[in-house]
Structure formats: C-alpha cells, structure tokens
C-alpha atoms as a PDB file:
ATOM      1  CA  UNK A   1      21.552  76.198 -19.882  1.00  0.00           C
ATOM      2  CA  UNK A   2      25.343  75.984 -20.433  1.00  0.00           C
ATOM      3  CA  UNK A   3      27.025  75.813 -16.892  1.00  0.00           C
ATOM      4  CA  UNK A   4      29.142  79.000 -16.555  1.00  0.00           C
ATOM      5  CA  UNK A   5      32.394  77.175 -15.148  1.00  0.00           C
ATOM      6  CA  UNK A   6      32.061  75.558 -18.717  1.00  0.00           C
ATOM      7  CA  UNK A   7      33.119  78.517 -20.984  1.00  0.00           C
ATOM      8  CA  UNK A   8      36.751  78.666 -21.843  1.00  0.00           C
ATOM      9  CA  UNK A   9      38.127  77.482 -25.185  1.00  0.00           C
ATOM     10  CA  UNK A  10      39.816  74.351 -23.165  1.00  0.00           C
ATOM     11  CA  UNK A  11      36.283  73.243 -22.045  1.00  0.00           C
ATOM     12  CA  UNK A  12      35.089  73.424 -25.737  1.00  0.00           C
ATOM     13  CA  UNK A  13      37.689  71.072 -27.264  1.00  0.00           C
ATOM     14  CA  UNK A  14      36.772  68.826 -24.308  1.00  0.00           C
ATOM     15  CA  UNK A  15      33.396  68.738 -25.052  1.00  0.00           C
ATOM     16  CA  UNK A  16      33.921  67.958 -28.812  1.00  0.00           C
ATOM     17  CA  UNK A  17      36.646  65.304 -27.855  1.00  0.00           C
ATOM     18  CA  UNK A  18      33.694  63.799 -26.023  1.00  0.00           C
ATOM     19  CA  UNK A  19      30.988  64.225 -28.607  1.00  0.00           C
ATOM     20  CA  UNK A  20      33.502  62.239 -31.052  1.00  0.00           C
ATOM     21  CA  UNK A  21      34.141  59.407 -28.418  1.00  0.00           C
ATOM     22  CA  UNK A  22      30.347  59.212 -28.378  1.00  0.00           C
ATOM     23  CA  UNK A  23      30.078  58.933 -32.015  1.00  0.00           C
ATOM     24  CA  UNK A  24      32.745  56.415 -32.290  1.00  0.00           C
ATOM     25  CA  UNK A  25      30.309  54.300 -29.602  1.00  0.00           C
ATOM     26  CA  UNK A  26      27.500  54.417 -32.231  1.00  0.00           C
ATOM     27  CA  UNK A  27      26.409  50.932 -33.929  1.00  0.00           C
ATOM     28  CA  UNK A  28      27.482  52.812 -37.177  1.00  0.00           C
ATOM     29  CA  UNK A  29      31.262  52.235 -36.528  1.00  0.00           C
ATOM     30  CA  UNK A  30      30.780  48.822 -34.950  1.00  0.00           C
ATOM     31  CA  UNK A  31      33.511  46.600 -36.372  1.00  0.00           C
ATOM     32  CA  UNK A  32      35.724  49.696 -37.679  1.00  0.00           C
ATOM     33  CA  UNK A  33      38.910  49.882 -36.079  1.00  0.00           C
ATOM     34  CA  UNK A  34      39.704  53.249 -37.266  1.00  0.00           C
ATOM     35  CA  UNK A  35      36.935  54.748 -34.670  1.00  0.00           C
ATOM     36  CA  UNK A  36      39.020  53.463 -31.926  1.00  0.00           C
ATOM     37  CA  UNK A  37      41.175  56.542 -32.611  1.00  0.00           C
ATOM     38  CA  UNK A  38      38.249  58.773 -31.711  1.00  0.00           C
ATOM     39  CA  UNK A  39      38.373  57.466 -28.166  1.00  0.00           C
ATOM     40  CA  UNK A  40      41.736  58.959 -27.545  1.00  0.00           C
ATOM     41  CA  UNK A  41      40.734  62.236 -27.664  1.00  0.00           C
ATOM     42  CA  UNK A  42      37.529  61.533 -25.712  1.00  0.00           C
ATOM     43  CA  UNK A  43      39.820  60.293 -22.640  1.00  0.00           C
ATOM     44  CA  UNK A  44      42.008  63.617 -23.116  1.00  0.00           C
ATOM     45  CA  UNK A  45      38.819  65.467 -22.933  1.00  0.00           C
ATOM     46  CA  UNK A  46      37.103  63.934 -19.890  1.00  0.00           C
ATOM     47  CA  UNK A  47      40.452  64.082 -18.110  1.00  0.00           C
ATOM     48  CA  UNK A  48      40.565  67.544 -18.540  1.00  0.00           C
ATOM     49  CA  UNK A  49      36.959  68.031 -17.329  1.00  0.00           C
ATOM     50  CA  UNK A  50      37.234  65.964 -14.369  1.00  0.00           C
ATOM     51  CA  UNK A  51      40.617  67.584 -13.653  1.00  0.00           C
ATOM     52  CA  UNK A  52      39.227  71.010 -13.552  1.00  0.00           C
ATOM     53  CA  UNK A  53      36.202  70.140 -11.938  1.00  0.00           C
ATOM     54  CA  UNK A  54      38.132  68.795  -9.042  1.00  0.00           C
ATOM     55  CA  UNK A  55      40.499  71.507  -8.783  1.00  0.00           C
ATOM     56  CA  UNK A  56      37.439  73.600  -8.167  1.00  0.00           C
ATOM     57  CA  UNK A  57      36.068  71.475  -5.445  1.00  0.00           C
ATOM     58  CA  UNK A  58      39.605  71.578  -3.416  1.00  0.00           C
ATOM     59  CA  UNK A  59      40.378  74.735  -3.975  1.00  0.00           C
ATOM     60  CA  UNK A  60      39.445  77.228  -0.806  1.00  0.00           C
ATOM     61  CA  UNK A  61      39.204  80.260  -3.098  1.00  0.00           C
ATOM     62  CA  UNK A  62      35.541  81.879  -2.930  1.00  0.00           C
ATOM     63  CA  UNK A  63      35.301  85.028  -4.574  1.00  0.00           C
ATOM     64  CA  UNK A  64      31.362  85.245  -4.582  1.00  0.00           C
ATOM     65  CA  UNK A  65      30.967  84.776  -0.631  1.00  0.00           C
ATOM     66  CA  UNK A  66      30.054  88.085   1.547  1.00  0.00           C
ATOM     67  CA  UNK A  67      31.654  86.879   4.366  1.00  0.00           C
ATOM     68  CA  UNK A  68      34.753  84.297   5.099  1.00  0.00           C
ATOM     69  CA  UNK A  69      35.587  84.932   1.525  1.00  0.00           C
ATOM     70  CA  UNK A  70      39.052  84.031   0.480  1.00  0.00           C
ATOM     71  CA  UNK A  71      40.892  85.484  -2.499  1.00  0.00           C
ATOM     72  CA  UNK A  72      43.635  84.358  -4.868  1.00  0.00           C
ATOM     73  CA  UNK A  73      46.576  85.408  -3.518  1.00  0.00           C
ATOM     74  CA  UNK A  74      49.498  87.385  -5.431  1.00  0.00           C
ATOM     75  CA  UNK A  75      52.757  85.723  -6.853  1.00  0.00           C
ATOM     76  CA  UNK A  76      55.083  84.718  -4.004  1.00  0.00           C
ATOM     77  CA  UNK A  77      58.569  86.138  -4.376  1.00  0.00           C
ATOM     78  CA  UNK A  78      61.124  83.721  -2.457  1.00  0.00           C
ATOM     79  CA  UNK A  79      63.986  84.973  -0.442  1.00  0.00           C
ATOM     80  CA  UNK A  80      67.207  85.466  -2.418  1.00  0.00           C
ATOM     81  CA  UNK A  81      70.024  83.065  -1.131  1.00  0.00           C
ATOM     82  CA  UNK A  82      71.704  84.840   1.633  1.00  0.00           C
ATOM     83  CA  UNK A  83      69.679  87.770   2.408  1.00  0.00           C
ATOM     84  CA  UNK A  84      67.684  86.143   5.247  1.00  0.00           C
ATOM     85  CA  UNK A  85      64.223  87.516   6.202  1.00  0.00           C
ATOM     86  CA  UNK A  86      60.876  87.010   8.431  1.00  0.00           C
ATOM     87  CA  UNK A  87      58.204  84.816   7.530  1.00  0.00           C
ATOM     88  CA  UNK A  88      54.534  86.485   7.724  1.00  0.00           C
ATOM     89  CA  UNK A  89      52.970  83.460   7.470  1.00  0.00           C
ATOM     90  CA  UNK A  90      51.240  81.244   4.746  1.00  0.00           C
ATOM     91  CA  UNK A  91      48.505  82.217   2.036  1.00  0.00           C
ATOM     92  CA  UNK A  92      45.352  81.288   2.391  1.00  0.00           C
ATOM     93  CA  UNK A  93      44.531  79.690  -0.630  1.00  0.00           C
ATOM     94  CA  UNK A  94      47.283  77.414  -1.257  1.00  0.00           C
ATOM     95  CA  UNK A  95      48.973  77.430   2.246  1.00  0.00           C
ATOM     96  CA  UNK A  96      52.105  78.666   0.465  1.00  0.00           C
ATOM     97  CA  UNK A  97      54.521  80.570   2.727  1.00  0.00           C
ATOM     98  CA  UNK A  98      55.089  84.240   2.306  1.00  0.00           C
ATOM     99  CA  UNK A  99      58.551  85.319   3.461  1.00  0.00           C
ATOM    100  CA  UNK A 100      59.905  89.225   3.342  1.00  0.00           C
ATOM    101  CA  UNK A 101      63.756  89.990   2.957  1.00  0.00           C
ATOM    102  CA  UNK A 102      65.235  91.639   5.424  1.00  0.00           C
ATOM    103  CA  UNK A 103      65.782  94.662   2.758  1.00  0.00           C
ATOM    104  CA  UNK A 104      62.325  94.976   2.552  1.00  0.00           C
ATOM    105  CA  UNK A 105      61.205  94.929   6.165  1.00  0.00           C
ATOM    106  CA  UNK A 106      63.439  97.908   6.482  1.00  0.00           C
ATOM    107  CA  UNK A 107      60.626  99.833   4.664  1.00  0.00           C
ATOM    108  CA  UNK A 108      57.166 101.007   6.559  1.00  0.00           C
ATOM    109  CA  UNK A 109      54.733  98.681   7.205  1.00  0.00           C
ATOM    110  CA  UNK A 110      51.190  98.971   8.265  1.00  0.00           C
ATOM    111  CA  UNK A 111      49.189  96.051   9.735  1.00  0.00           C
ATOM    112  CA  UNK A 112      45.448  97.561   9.704  1.00  0.00           C
ATOM    113  CA  UNK A 113      42.516  95.839  11.291  1.00  0.00           C
ATOM    114  CA  UNK A 114      39.798  96.123  13.712  1.00  0.00           C
ATOM    115  CA  UNK A 115      40.434  95.055  17.686  1.00  0.00           C
ATOM    116  CA  UNK A 116      40.594  91.029  18.058  1.00  0.00           C
ATOM    117  CA  UNK A 117      41.477  89.972  14.265  1.00  0.00           C
ATOM    118  CA  UNK A 118      45.159  89.504  15.509  1.00  0.00           C
ATOM    119  CA  UNK A 119      47.551  92.471  15.175  1.00  0.00           C
ATOM    120  CA  UNK A 120      49.174  91.717  18.193  1.00  0.00           C
ATOM    121  CA  UNK A 121      49.408  88.060  17.445  1.00  0.00           C
ATOM    122  CA  UNK A 122      50.968  88.750  14.229  1.00  0.00           C
ATOM    123  CA  UNK A 123      53.376  91.543  16.118  1.00  0.00           C
ATOM    124  CA  UNK A 124      54.366  88.723  18.421  1.00  0.00           C
ATOM    125  CA  UNK A 125      55.102  85.899  15.593  1.00  0.00           C
ATOM    126  CA  UNK A 126      57.313  88.533  14.227  1.00  0.00           C
ATOM    127  CA  UNK A 127      59.209  89.507  17.047  1.00  0.00           C
ATOM    128  CA  UNK A 128      59.705  85.721  17.878  1.00  0.00           C
ATOM    129  CA  UNK A 129      61.229  85.243  14.968  1.00  0.00           C
ATOM    130  CA  UNK A 130      63.373  88.254  15.325  1.00  0.00           C
ATOM    131  CA  UNK A 131      64.508  86.973  18.952  1.00  0.00           C
ATOM    132  CA  UNK A 132      65.471  83.381  17.610  1.00  0.00           C
ATOM    133  CA  UNK A 133      67.635  84.785  15.240  1.00  0.00           C
ATOM    134  CA  UNK A 134      69.333  86.655  17.822  1.00  0.00           C
ATOM    135  CA  UNK A 135      67.845  90.264  16.584  1.00  0.00           C
ATOM    136  CA  UNK A 136      67.081  93.312  18.417  1.00  0.00           C
ATOM    137  CA  UNK A 137      63.558  95.029  18.635  1.00  0.00           C
ATOM    138  CA  UNK A 138      61.690  98.172  20.242  1.00  0.00           C
ATOM    139  CA  UNK A 139      58.136  97.457  20.501  1.00  0.00           C
ATOM    140  CA  UNK A 140      55.990 100.724  21.583  1.00  0.00           C
ATOM    141  CA  UNK A 141      52.412  99.415  22.527  1.00  0.00           C
ATOM    142  CA  UNK A 142      49.818 101.936  23.215  1.00  0.00           C
ATOM    143  CA  UNK A 143      47.635 100.143  26.020  1.00  0.00           C
ATOM    144  CA  UNK A 144      49.099  98.527  29.053  1.00  0.00           C
ATOM    145  CA  UNK A 145      49.305  94.986  27.910  1.00  0.00           C
ATOM    146  CA  UNK A 146      50.665  92.576  30.462  1.00  0.00           C
ATOM    147  CA  UNK A 147      50.176  89.645  28.506  1.00  0.00           C
ATOM    148  CA  UNK A 148      52.102  90.862  25.660  1.00  0.00           C
ATOM    149  CA  UNK A 149      55.034  91.732  28.266  1.00  0.00           C
ATOM    150  CA  UNK A 150      55.166  88.651  29.604  1.00  0.00           C
ATOM    151  CA  UNK A 151      54.870  86.718  26.350  1.00  0.00           C
ATOM    152  CA  UNK A 152      57.955  88.924  25.095  1.00  0.00           C
ATOM    153  CA  UNK A 153      59.619  88.330  28.521  1.00  0.00           C
ATOM    154  CA  UNK A 154      59.259  84.374  28.115  1.00  0.00           C
ATOM    155  CA  UNK A 155      60.650  84.320  24.697  1.00  0.00           C
ATOM    156  CA  UNK A 156      63.935  86.181  25.413  1.00  0.00           C
ATOM    157  CA  UNK A 157      64.276  83.978  28.656  1.00  0.00           C
ATOM    158  CA  UNK A 158      63.907  80.629  26.740  1.00  0.00           C
ATOM    159  CA  UNK A 159      66.261  81.820  23.938  1.00  0.00           C
ATOM    160  CA  UNK A 160      68.867  82.620  26.749  1.00  0.00           C
ATOM    161  CA  UNK A 161      68.423  86.315  26.233  1.00  0.00           C
ATOM    162  CA  UNK A 162      66.433  87.287  29.440  1.00  0.00           C
ATOM    163  CA  UNK A 163      69.277  89.488  30.526  1.00  0.00           C
ATOM    164  CA  UNK A 164      68.738  91.432  27.363  1.00  0.00           C
ATOM    165  CA  UNK A 165      65.277  92.382  27.422  1.00  0.00           C
ATOM    166  CA  UNK A 166      63.615  95.740  29.287  1.00  0.00           C
ATOM    167  CA  UNK A 167      60.713  97.136  29.898  1.00  0.00           C
ATOM    168  CA  UNK A 168      59.529 100.855  30.008  1.00  0.00           C
ATOM    169  CA  UNK A 169      56.258 101.155  31.938  1.00  0.00           C
ATOM    170  CA  UNK A 170      55.760 104.571  34.059  1.00  0.00           C
ATOM    171  CA  UNK A 171      52.544 103.388  35.398  1.00  0.00           C
ATOM    172  CA  UNK A 172      54.150 100.999  37.507  1.00  0.00           C
ATOM    173  CA  UNK A 173      58.094 102.166  38.142  1.00  0.00           C
ATOM    174  CA  UNK A 174      58.155  99.209  40.183  1.00  0.00           C
ATOM    175  CA  UNK A 175      58.436  96.917  37.354  1.00  0.00           C
ATOM    176  CA  UNK A 176      59.910  99.373  35.296  1.00  0.00           C
ATOM    177  CA  UNK A 177      63.291  99.800  33.898  1.00  0.00           C
ATOM    178  CA  UNK A 178      64.836 103.122  34.639  1.00  0.00           C
ATOM    179  CA  UNK A 179      65.270 105.296  31.472  1.00  0.00           C
ATOM    180  CA  UNK A 180      66.981 109.279  31.364  1.00  0.00           C
ATOM    181  CA  UNK A 181      65.898 110.489  27.518  1.00  0.00           C
ATOM    182  CA  UNK A 182      67.536 113.870  27.658  1.00  0.00           C
ATOM    183  CA  UNK A 183      70.917 112.285  28.586  1.00  0.00           C
ATOM    184  CA  UNK A 184      72.048 111.129  25.235  1.00  0.00           C
ATOM    185  CA  UNK A 185      72.566 113.791  22.505  1.00  0.00           C
ATOM    186  CA  UNK A 186      74.070 117.062  22.173  1.00  0.00           C
ATOM    187  CA  UNK A 187      72.577 120.107  23.245  1.00  0.00           C
ATOM    188  CA  UNK A 188      70.631 121.394  20.366  1.00  0.00           C
ATOM    189  CA  UNK A 189      69.224 117.614  20.235  1.00  0.00           C
ATOM    190  CA  UNK A 190      68.053 117.640  24.045  1.00  0.00           C
ATOM    191  CA  UNK A 191      66.502 121.119  23.841  1.00  0.00           C
ATOM    192  CA  UNK A 192      64.589 120.107  20.640  1.00  0.00           C
ATOM    193  CA  UNK A 193      63.203 116.937  22.857  1.00  0.00           C
ATOM    194  CA  UNK A 194      62.266 119.288  25.560  1.00  0.00           C
ATOM    195  CA  UNK A 195      60.520 121.879  23.669  1.00  0.00           C
ATOM    196  CA  UNK A 196      58.013 119.525  22.083  1.00  0.00           C
ATOM    197  CA  UNK A 197      56.529 119.699  25.673  1.00  0.00           C
ATOM    198  CA  UNK A 198      55.372 122.985  24.458  1.00  0.00           C
ATOM    199  CA  UNK A 199      52.108 123.920  22.681  1.00  0.00           C
ATOM    200  CA  UNK A 200      52.911 124.929  19.051  1.00  0.00           C
ATOM    201  CA  UNK A 201      53.223 128.879  19.153  1.00  0.00           C
ATOM    202  CA  UNK A 202      53.103 129.668  15.272  1.00  0.00           C
ATOM    203  CA  UNK A 203      50.424 132.134  15.037  1.00  0.00           C
ATOM    204  CA  UNK A 204      50.930 133.504  18.495  1.00  0.00           C
ATOM    205  CA  UNK A 205      54.120 136.094  18.793  1.00  0.00           C
ATOM    206  CA  UNK A 206      53.922 136.497  22.333  1.00  0.00           C
ATOM    207  CA  UNK A 207      53.904 133.053  23.141  1.00  0.00           C
ATOM    208  CA  UNK A 208      56.598 132.263  20.411  1.00  0.00           C
ATOM    209  CA  UNK A 209      58.960 134.591  22.359  1.00  0.00           C
ATOM    210  CA  UNK A 210      58.859 132.629  25.442  1.00  0.00           C
ATOM    211  CA  UNK A 211      59.191 129.084  23.458  1.00  0.00           C
ATOM    212  CA  UNK A 212      62.467 131.039  21.791  1.00  0.00           C
ATOM    213  CA  UNK A 213      63.726 132.004  25.070  1.00  0.00           C
ATOM    214  CA  UNK A 214      63.187 128.660  26.693  1.00  0.00           C
ATOM    215  CA  UNK A 215      64.939 126.806  23.408  1.00  0.00           C
ATOM    216  CA  UNK A 216      67.717 129.258  24.145  1.00  0.00           C
ATOM    217  CA  UNK A 217      68.267 128.718  28.033  1.00  0.00           C
ATOM    218  CA  UNK A 218      67.939 124.797  27.462  1.00  0.00           C
ATOM    219  CA  UNK A 219      70.522 124.636  25.006  1.00  0.00           C
ATOM    220  CA  UNK A 220      72.773 126.979  26.734  1.00  0.00           C
ATOM    221  CA  UNK A 221      72.256 124.696  30.112  1.00  0.00           C
ATOM    222  CA  UNK A 222      72.634 121.308  28.492  1.00  0.00           C
ATOM    223  CA  UNK A 223      75.705 122.678  26.714  1.00  0.00           C
ATOM    224  CA  UNK A 224      77.150 123.954  29.969  1.00  0.00           C
ATOM    225  CA  UNK A 225      76.468 120.853  31.830  1.00  0.00           C
ATOM    226  CA  UNK A 226      77.950 118.490  29.128  1.00  0.00           C
ATOM    227  CA  UNK A 227      80.972 120.855  29.444  1.00  0.00           C
ATOM    228  CA  UNK A 228      81.451 120.246  33.054  1.00  0.00           C
ATOM    229  CA  UNK A 229      81.234 116.377  32.329  1.00  0.00           C
ATOM    230  CA  UNK A 230      77.777 116.567  34.658  1.00  0.00           C
ATOM    231  CA  UNK A 231      75.115 113.827  34.431  1.00  0.00           C
ATOM    232  CA  UNK A 232      71.578 115.262  34.802  1.00  0.00           C
ATOM    233  CA  UNK A 233      67.973 114.717  34.697  1.00  0.00           C
ATOM    234  CA  UNK A 234      64.520 115.987  34.664  1.00  0.00           C
ATOM    235  CA  UNK A 235      65.026 117.195  38.345  1.00  0.00           C
ATOM    236  CA  UNK A 236      68.315 119.054  37.787  1.00  0.00           C
ATOM    237  CA  UNK A 237      66.805 121.312  34.668  1.00  0.00           C
ATOM    238  CA  UNK A 238      63.856 122.004  36.942  1.00  0.00           C
ATOM    239  CA  UNK A 239      65.946 123.370  39.582  1.00  0.00           C
ATOM    240  CA  UNK A 240      68.286 125.497  37.076  1.00  0.00           C
ATOM    241  CA  UNK A 241      65.495 127.178  35.362  1.00  0.00           C
ATOM    242  CA  UNK A 242      64.134 128.792  38.752  1.00  0.00           C
ATOM    243  CA  UNK A 243      67.515 128.658  41.141  1.00  0.00           C
ATOM    244  CA  UNK A 244      70.094 131.540  41.041  1.00  0.00           C
ATOM    245  CA  UNK A 245      72.162 129.841  43.342  1.00  0.00           C
ATOM    246  CA  UNK A 246      71.834 126.507  41.343  1.00  0.00           C
ATOM    247  CA  UNK A 247      72.811 128.399  38.268  1.00  0.00           C
ATOM    248  CA  UNK A 248      75.903 130.205  39.842  1.00  0.00           C
ATOM    249  CA  UNK A 249      77.278 126.421  41.274  1.00  0.00           C
ATOM    250  CA  UNK A 250      77.204 125.628  37.640  1.00  0.00           C
ATOM    251  CA  UNK A 251      78.706 128.642  36.401  1.00  0.00           C
ATOM    252  CA  UNK A 252      81.559 127.556  38.849  1.00  0.00           C
ATOM    253  CA  UNK A 253      81.900 124.236  37.581  1.00  0.00           C
ATOM    254  CA  UNK A 254      82.092 125.309  34.031  1.00  0.00           C
ATOM    255  CA  UNK A 255      85.583 125.073  32.711  1.00  0.00           C
ATOM    256  CA  UNK A 256      87.108 127.744  30.451  1.00  0.00           C
ATOM    257  CA  UNK A 257      85.984 127.955  27.181  1.00  0.00           C
ATOM    258  CA  UNK A 258      83.015 128.997  24.705  1.00  0.00           C
ATOM    259  CA  UNK A 259      80.504 126.988  26.559  1.00  0.00           C
ATOM    260  CA  UNK A 260      81.331 129.406  29.745  1.00  0.00           C
ATOM    261  CA  UNK A 261      81.233 132.211  27.672  1.00  0.00           C
ATOM    262  CA  UNK A 262      78.089 131.469  26.392  1.00  0.00           C
ATOM    263  CA  UNK A 263      76.929 130.307  29.563  1.00  0.00           C
ATOM    264  CA  UNK A 264      78.008 133.768  31.227  1.00  0.00           C
ATOM    265  CA  UNK A 265      76.136 135.827  28.401  1.00  0.00           C
ATOM    266  CA  UNK A 266      72.910 133.854  29.225  1.00  0.00           C
ATOM    267  CA  UNK A 267      73.025 134.535  32.951  1.00  0.00           C
ATOM    268  CA  UNK A 268      73.788 138.702  32.493  1.00  0.00           C
ATOM    269  CA  UNK A 269      70.593 139.026  30.759  1.00  0.00           C
ATOM    270  CA  UNK A 270      68.949 137.903  33.958  1.00  0.00           C
ATOM    271  CA  UNK A 271      71.193 139.824  36.358  1.00  0.00           C
ATOM    272  CA  UNK A 272      69.975 143.069  38.193  1.00  0.00           C
ATOM    273  CA  UNK A 273      71.283 145.490  40.756  1.00  0.00           C
ATOM    274  CA  UNK A 274      69.110 145.226  43.880  1.00  0.00           C
ATOM    275  CA  UNK A 275      66.858 148.323  44.645  1.00  0.00           C
ATOM    276  CA  UNK A 276      68.513 148.826  47.851  1.00  0.00           C
ATOM    277  CA  UNK A 277      71.987 148.505  46.307  1.00  0.00           C
ATOM    278  CA  UNK A 278      74.455 145.723  46.782  1.00  0.00           C
ATOM    279  CA  UNK A 279      76.412 143.101  44.343  1.00  0.00           C
ATOM    280  CA  UNK A 280      74.642 142.574  41.141  1.00  0.00           C
ATOM    281  CA  UNK A 281      72.851 139.186  41.422  1.00  0.00           C
ATOM    282  CA  UNK A 282      70.321 137.251  39.492  1.00  0.00           C
ATOM    283  CA  UNK A 283      66.865 138.570  39.295  1.00  0.00           C
ATOM    284  CA  UNK A 284      64.629 135.348  40.294  1.00  0.00           C
ATOM    285  CA  UNK A 285      61.297 137.114  39.381  1.00  0.00           C
ATOM    286  CA  UNK A 286      62.441 137.808  35.857  1.00  0.00           C
ATOM    287  CA  UNK A 287      64.081 134.266  35.500  1.00  0.00           C
ATOM    288  CA  UNK A 288      60.600 132.658  36.459  1.00  0.00           C
ATOM    289  CA  UNK A 289      58.382 135.255  34.178  1.00  0.00           C
ATOM    290  CA  UNK A 290      60.616 133.697  31.003  1.00  0.00           C
ATOM    291  CA  UNK A 291      61.427 130.321  31.978  1.00  0.00           C
ATOM    292  CA  UNK A 292      58.771 129.351  34.318  1.00  0.00           C
ATOM    293  CA  UNK A 293      56.278 127.764  31.824  1.00  0.00           C
ATOM    294  CA  UNK A 294      59.257 125.461  30.832  1.00  0.00           C
ATOM    295  CA  UNK A 295      60.004 124.629  34.121  1.00  0.00           C
ATOM    296  CA  UNK A 296      56.565 123.704  34.600  1.00  0.00           C
ATOM    297  CA  UNK A 297      56.709 121.644  32.012  1.00  0.00           C
ATOM    298  CA  UNK A 298      59.731 119.935  32.879  1.00  0.00           C
ATOM    299  CA  UNK A 299      58.813 119.219  36.596  1.00  0.00           C
ATOM    300  CA  UNK A 300      55.936 117.109  35.444  1.00  0.00           C
ATOM    301  CA  UNK A 301      58.695 114.422  34.426  1.00  0.00           C
ATOM    302  CA  UNK A 302      60.549 114.985  37.535  1.00  0.00           C
ATOM    303  CA  UNK A 303      57.702 113.952  40.229  1.00  0.00           C
ATOM    304  CA  UNK A 304      55.726 111.238  40.742  1.00  0.00           C
ATOM    305  CA  UNK A 305      55.756 108.139  38.569  1.00  0.00           C
ATOM    306  CA  UNK A 306      57.553 109.653  35.794  1.00  0.00           C
ATOM    307  CA  UNK A 307      60.166 110.858  38.241  1.00  0.00           C
ATOM    308  CA  UNK A 308      60.561 107.558  39.585  1.00  0.00           C
ATOM    309  CA  UNK A 309      61.553 106.243  35.918  1.00  0.00           C
ATOM    310  CA  UNK A 310      63.144 109.158  34.433  1.00  0.00           C
ATOM    311  CA  UNK A 311      65.278 110.966  37.419  1.00  0.00           C
ATOM    312  CA  UNK A 312      68.134 108.441  37.059  1.00  0.00           C
ATOM    313  CA  UNK A 313      71.713 109.561  36.595  1.00  0.00           C
ATOM    314  CA  UNK A 314      72.686 105.859  35.143  1.00  0.00           C
ATOM    315  CA  UNK A 315      69.093 104.501  33.248  1.00  0.00           C
ATOM    316  CA  UNK A 316      69.018 101.047  32.904  1.00  0.00           C
ATOM    317  CA  UNK A 317      68.066 101.860  29.280  1.00  0.00           C
ATOM    318  CA  UNK A 318      70.001 102.475  26.275  1.00  0.00           C
ATOM    319  CA  UNK A 319      68.244 103.055  23.210  1.00  0.00           C
ATOM    320  CA  UNK A 320      71.479 103.209  21.063  1.00  0.00           C
ATOM    321  CA  UNK A 321      72.988  99.990  22.780  1.00  0.00           C
ATOM    322  CA  UNK A 322      69.520  98.366  22.509  1.00  0.00           C
ATOM    323  CA  UNK A 323      69.565  99.184  18.682  1.00  0.00           C
ATOM    324  CA  UNK A 324      73.378  98.410  18.123  1.00  0.00           C
ATOM    325  CA  UNK A 325      73.613  95.336  20.041  1.00  0.00           C
ATOM    326  CA  UNK A 326      70.387  93.789  19.256  1.00  0.00           C
ATOM    327  CA  UNK A 327      68.462  93.690  22.827  1.00  0.00           C
ATOM    328  CA  UNK A 328      64.510  94.167  23.135  1.00  0.00           C
ATOM    329  CA  UNK A 329      62.605  96.873  24.818  1.00  0.00           C
ATOM    330  CA  UNK A 330      58.728  96.593  25.463  1.00  0.00           C
ATOM    331  CA  UNK A 331      57.482 100.202  25.993  1.00  0.00           C
ATOM    332  CA  UNK A 332      53.880 100.528  27.707  1.00  0.00           C
ATOM    333  CA  UNK A 333      52.127 103.553  27.257  1.00  0.00           C
ATOM    334  CA  UNK A 334      49.176 104.318  28.946  1.00  0.00           C
ATOM    335  CA  UNK A 335      47.466 106.393  26.392  1.00  0.00           C
ATOM    336  CA  UNK A 336      44.157 104.235  26.874  1.00  0.00           C
ATOM    337  CA  UNK A 337      43.821 105.434  30.624  1.00  0.00           C
END
C-alpha cells in the first residue's frame, strides 16, 4: 500500500531516481564508470524525500485532529514602512508575527470566543501596545472586572501616564471618576441622549405624543440653559420638569434672543389662570401630566449611586479630551449584576 504522503509528482521523480541508484549498484554495472552518474539523481531524490519527511515531522500543522488542531495560517502582509500598527500575536503553525496597520485597526473587529479562552487577555495585550506608544483608549467592559482595572492602571502608571487614566464605575462611586454625559453637545444632541431613556412608541400614538412632548421640552430647556451659560446635570433637569418656580427663575436668566423667545412659547402652553382669579401662572398638574414620565426617568440618574457620579458641574471625565489627547478610560458596566 502506497503511503498517502508520497502521492505528488516530485515524489514520483524522487522514487524513480532512487530506483536508478539501486540499479547502478547492481553487479551488472560493476567496473562501469558511467553507472556512477545514476547515483547523483538518487542522491537528489533521497534528499528530497528526507527533507519532506523531516518537515512533516517538525510541522505543527494538524488538520486531522478533532481537538487541539492547528490549521495553516493565511499569508501575512508586513506593515508598510512608516504606517505603524499593532501586533495581534503570532501564527500557531510557524510562529510568524501577525501585525495590523493602523489604517486597518480603524475598521470594526470582532473577537469571538467562549468564556476563558483569552478574549480579555488579548484585549489587554493590544491596549498595552497602545499605551506604550502614547496612544489613548476607551475600554467599555460588560462586567465589573477589578483585575482588568488594576492591570490597566498599572500599565498607565509604569509608562508615566498614571494621571491620564480614568475609571467610570457607577456601582462604586467612591472609586470612580465623575462624569456628566449630558453637559456637552448642542440641545438636540443632549435631548436625543435623554430620549433614549424612554421606551419606543412607534405603534402607540398616545405614548408617542408624550415622547415628542418630552423631546421638545428637553430641547428647549437645554437650549435655554446653554444660552444662559449655565452648567447643569440630571438633578437640574429633574427639577425644571416639575417646578414652575425653577422655570420662572430660568426665564429670568435667559438673555434676549431666539432661545428666550422659544422658551416663552414653550412655557405659555402650560400657563393657566387660577380658578379663584389672580395672575396667570404655570399649571403644575398639566406640567406633571405631560412631562412627569420623562422627569421620573431622569430622576433615576440624579439619585443614589448614579447621582454621585453624574451630578457634577465639573466632571473629571471628558470623552472629547480623552480621544483627542490620547488618554485612557475604563468603563465598568454592572450588566452582569
């Protein structure tokens, strides 16, 4: 039975050369110098078969095993001079370095694997290279992993960048930097972020009315506070959405201009004349009926542990600053709790 590894054209030529060498050693060719020429192909054929068997023995590739198999790696493309990049690791078949250029790193990448196979370890390896080359990162972790936090802090510290590392952890406010996610951006952007707190109302006209009313109210209020050069947080918005006195005070602080006119139009729809007579004032019940749901959603982030992290006028975490100036942020989400 022929060996399945000796099936190629080169193998056939090598076997024929060995056969020629065997024939040259026959007594019939004794004393015939021309027979010595047959030994050269035999030597080449034997060398080829020996090299092939040796390379197969040294090769780590195993495509037949059901476990711990190693497949041949795809062709590698070295980093172009001057482009820079990050090393993902080494191929398992030949231990060649696998590098990715910066331009390709900007594309979306998925690292898929079961728990415990090394996804976090690979992420830490990539972040270490980014930290060493004075780059920045934002790592959003879906679990409260204090070991990863400590590793990243150590990496930043030993590279002399300890003061550029920030941690966001609403489950442990005492060991978290402060952050105000609604302070930056124009009024439309901030209102859009806050509106994500409400459930979708695509198939519910009634709910969609309150959703659009909340969107309009938030856009007007945030625009008014920005026009008045006010810094604000979740607690301020919660009060404004349910306090006529706070709305009146904000109206007084808005300078003349389109924001003030828009704010006055918004307030007028809630103004009523009291049943017993007197000056026109904001109807608190009407205000709560329309905006009470949004106020309740926002209040969840203005109280408790969320409030300790988010209710600040001077947040320590500035995403724009972190991205532009190459700093580091580790976000610990309590989604596994």
